[in-house]
C-alpha cells in the first residue's frame, strides 16, 4: 500500500495553497489538470499546441478536453477544423441525432422521423457524378454520357446482400417534336449486393427528355429512398438528381 501511495504522489503535484492537482504538470490550470504529453511550461497559460493533449476540470465543474478554458460544461477541442473530436462508437451512420425521454443521445433515423436531402444540379451526363444519401449508406448515378444513353443505378455501401422493392415512374415528354407524352411504370424486386453498382431496373434510360421518380425500399433496414432524376437535351444530354432518404 505504501508503495502505491508513493507512486501516486510521485505522479501528481499538489498545490496546498489553492487545492489544485496537476498530473504531469506543476502548473495546473484548474482544480484537476492532466498534461498528457507533459509538455506544459512551469508558468503561464499553456499554448494551444500544449493544450491539445490536456484535460482540465475547472472550479465550476466544467470539463475541457484539448482546452484549459472550457466555456461549457463539456468542451472538446479536436484541433482539426470540421472534426468534433467525439466518436459515438455504437451509433455509426446516423444522419440525425436526437435525445430520448431521459436526455440520452440516440439516432434520429426512425420510421416516423428524419429525412435528408442531397442533390446534384444539371450537368453534362457522366457516370463520374455520384449522389450519396445523407447517411452515406446509398449512392446513385447515371451510366450514360452527353451523347450516349445509359441506366440509372444504385450502390449499397454497407450491410449484406438483401432485397429491395423498387418502383419506377417515368415521364417521357414531347421534346418539342409534337409526339405524345408517355408515362412508364414498373415495379422491380431485386437482391442487391453491397459495393456493386446495380441497375435500378431494366428500363433503358436513353431518352433526352425523361423524368424519373424511383421509390426504393430497403426491405431489411426499412430505409425509404425517393430518387428523382432527369435527362434533358440541352446542348447535349444533361442530368440532374435529387435524393431524399427517410
Foldseek 3Di string as FASTA:
>chain_A
DVVVVVVVPVQWDADPPVCAIEGLACEALANYKYQPVSPADNDDDGDLVSLQCMWHQHPVRAIEHSDSDDPDNYQYDNVDPPDRVDDDPVAALQLDWDADPVRHIHRQPDPVDDKFKDKDDKDFADQVDWIAGSSRQKIWHFHAGLAFFGAIKMAGADDAWAKKKKKKWKWADPLPPPDHIDIDIDIDIDIHGHPDIDGSDPDTPGDQFMWMWMWMAGVPPRKIKIKIKGWHNDVTTIIMIMIMID
